[in-house]
Amino acid sequence: MITVTEQAGRKIKELMASEEGENLFLRVGVKAGGCSGFSYGMGFDHEKQDDDQEFVQQGVKILVDSSSAKYLEGVEIDYKESMMGGGFTIHNPNAVATCGCGSSFRTKEEAGNPTEC
């Protein structure tokens, strides 16, 4: 389903360590919106829902809800450092168009709900 690179795994674990609480999951999802139609979301969650798919990459427990799963098949999450700072990048083989900032996309089959940036 989703591949997390070694660099992204290290950064996610570092961020998780700074959070309060134990047994955190990384929740990755997709929602309608963004300038290309769909937007990515990533954050920490303490609870697994009934419709979540769970898997482990780079020692990180990841949750994906059933409605997002079809858009995230084959996605690679990476983390890149640059002189301007660092950030996560998402490579999605299902995307046929992305916005300039890389945080929204559309697929061949679905345009989503494009909004202004």
Protein backbone atom coordinates (compact mmCIF):
# COMPACT_ATOMS: atom_id res chain seq x y z
CA MET A 1 0.00 0.00 0.00
CA ILE A 2 2.14 2.94 1.25
CA THR A 3 5.94 2.94 1.31
CA VAL A 4 7.74 5.07 3.88
CA THR A 5 11.39 5.78 3.06
CA GLU A 6 14.08 5.40 5.68
CA GLN A 7 14.49 9.19 5.96
CA ALA A 8 10.73 9.70 6.43
CA GLY A 9 10.56 6.87 8.96
CA ARG A 10 13.31 8.47 11.05
CA LYS A 11 11.58 11.87 10.99
CA ILE A 12 8.15 10.42 11.81
CA LYS A 13 9.59 8.52 14.79
CA GLU A 14 11.37 11.70 15.93
CA LEU A 15 8.09 13.65 15.78
CA MET A 16 6.20 10.86 17.54
CA ALA A 17 8.75 10.87 20.37
CA SER A 18 8.03 14.55 21.00
CA GLU A 19 4.27 13.90 21.26
CA GLU A 20 2.53 13.15 24.55
CA GLY A 21 1.29 9.62 24.98
CA GLU A 22 2.19 6.19 23.75
CA ASN A 23 0.94 3.84 21.05
CA LEU A 24 0.61 6.52 18.41
CA PHE A 25 -0.33 5.76 14.84
CA LEU A 26 0.47 7.82 11.76
CA ARG A 27 -2.85 8.44 10.05
CA VAL A 28 -2.62 9.10 6.30
CA GLY A 29 -5.73 10.10 4.40
CA VAL A 30 -7.25 11.91 1.46
CA LYS A 31 -10.14 14.37 1.42
CA ALA A 32 -11.90 16.30 -1.33
CA GLY A 33 -10.50 19.80 -1.81
CA GLY A 34 -7.28 21.53 -2.71
CA CYS A 35 -6.53 23.24 -6.00
CA SER A 36 -6.25 19.92 -7.88
CA GLY A 37 -9.28 18.20 -6.34
CA PHE A 38 -7.99 15.99 -3.50
CA SER A 39 -5.74 16.87 -0.55
CA TYR A 40 -3.44 14.68 1.51
CA GLY A 41 -3.60 14.61 5.27
CA MET A 42 -1.10 13.20 7.75
CA GLY A 43 -1.20 13.33 11.51
CA PHE A 44 -0.94 11.31 14.67
CA ASP A 45 -3.83 9.36 16.12
CA HIS A 46 -4.26 7.30 19.29
CA GLU A 47 -7.19 5.23 18.07
CA LYS A 48 -7.81 2.79 15.25
CA GLN A 49 -11.29 2.93 13.66
CA ASP A 50 -13.25 -0.10 12.44
CA ASP A 51 -12.73 0.75 8.74
CA ASP A 52 -8.98 1.45 9.05
CA GLN A 53 -6.31 -0.57 7.34
CA GLU A 54 -3.22 -0.91 9.52
CA PHE A 55 0.31 -1.75 8.44
CA VAL A 56 3.88 -1.06 9.55
CA GLN A 57 6.62 0.66 7.55
CA GLN A 58 10.05 1.59 8.95
CA GLY A 59 8.79 0.71 12.43
CA VAL A 60 5.88 3.17 12.17
CA LYS A 61 2.31 1.94 12.61
CA ILE A 62 0.20 3.51 9.83
CA LEU A 63 -3.58 3.80 9.56
CA VAL A 64 -5.51 4.48 6.34
CA ASP A 65 -9.30 4.77 6.30
CA SER A 66 -11.18 2.70 3.73
CA SER A 67 -12.31 5.70 1.64
CA SER A 68 -8.72 6.97 1.26
CA ALA A 69 -7.13 3.60 0.51
CA LYS A 70 -7.87 3.57 -3.23
CA TYR A 71 -6.14 6.94 -3.70
CA LEU A 72 -3.07 5.92 -1.69
CA GLU A 73 -2.24 2.58 -3.31
CA GLY A 74 1.46 2.66 -4.22
CA VAL A 75 2.19 6.02 -2.55
CA GLU A 76 5.70 6.74 -1.32
CA ILE A 77 6.23 9.13 1.60
CA ASP A 78 9.70 10.65 1.82
CA TYR A 79 11.34 13.38 3.87
CA LYS A 80 13.75 15.86 2.31
CA GLU A 81 16.05 18.40 3.96
CA SER A 82 17.09 21.53 2.09
CA MET A 83 18.62 24.91 2.83
CA MET A 84 15.08 26.26 3.26
CA GLY A 85 14.16 23.58 5.82
CA GLY A 86 12.68 20.15 5.54
CA GLY A 87 9.40 18.57 4.69
CA PHE A 88 7.54 15.45 3.72
CA THR A 89 6.95 14.68 0.07
CA ILE A 90 4.38 12.31 -1.38
CA HIS A 91 4.85 10.52 -4.68
CA ASN A 92 1.51 9.15 -5.85
CA PRO A 93 1.51 6.98 -8.99
CA ASN A 94 -2.29 7.37 -9.19
CA ALA A 95 -2.11 11.15 -9.65
CA VAL A 96 -2.42 12.50 -13.18
CA ALA A 97 -2.23 16.15 -12.05
CA THR A 98 -0.85 17.86 -8.96
CA CYS A 99 -0.78 21.43 -7.75
CA GLY A 100 2.40 23.47 -7.64
CA CYS A 101 2.91 22.93 -3.93
CA GLY A 102 2.39 19.15 -4.23
CA SER A 103 -0.26 18.89 -1.53
CA SER A 104 -3.23 18.18 -3.80
CA PHE A 105 -3.87 15.95 -6.79
CA ARG A 106 -6.46 14.35 -9.03
CA THR A 107 -6.66 10.90 -10.54
CA LYS A 108 -7.57 9.72 -14.01
CA GLU A 109 -10.96 8.50 -12.78
CA GLU A 110 -11.86 11.25 -10.30
CA ALA A 111 -11.38 15.03 -10.26
CA GLY A 112 -12.34 15.50 -6.60
CA ASN A 113 -13.56 18.93 -5.53
CA PRO A 114 -11.07 21.59 -6.66
CA THR A 115 -10.91 24.76 -4.57
CA GLU A 116 -8.75 27.88 -4.73
CA CYS A 117 -5.26 27.70 -3.21
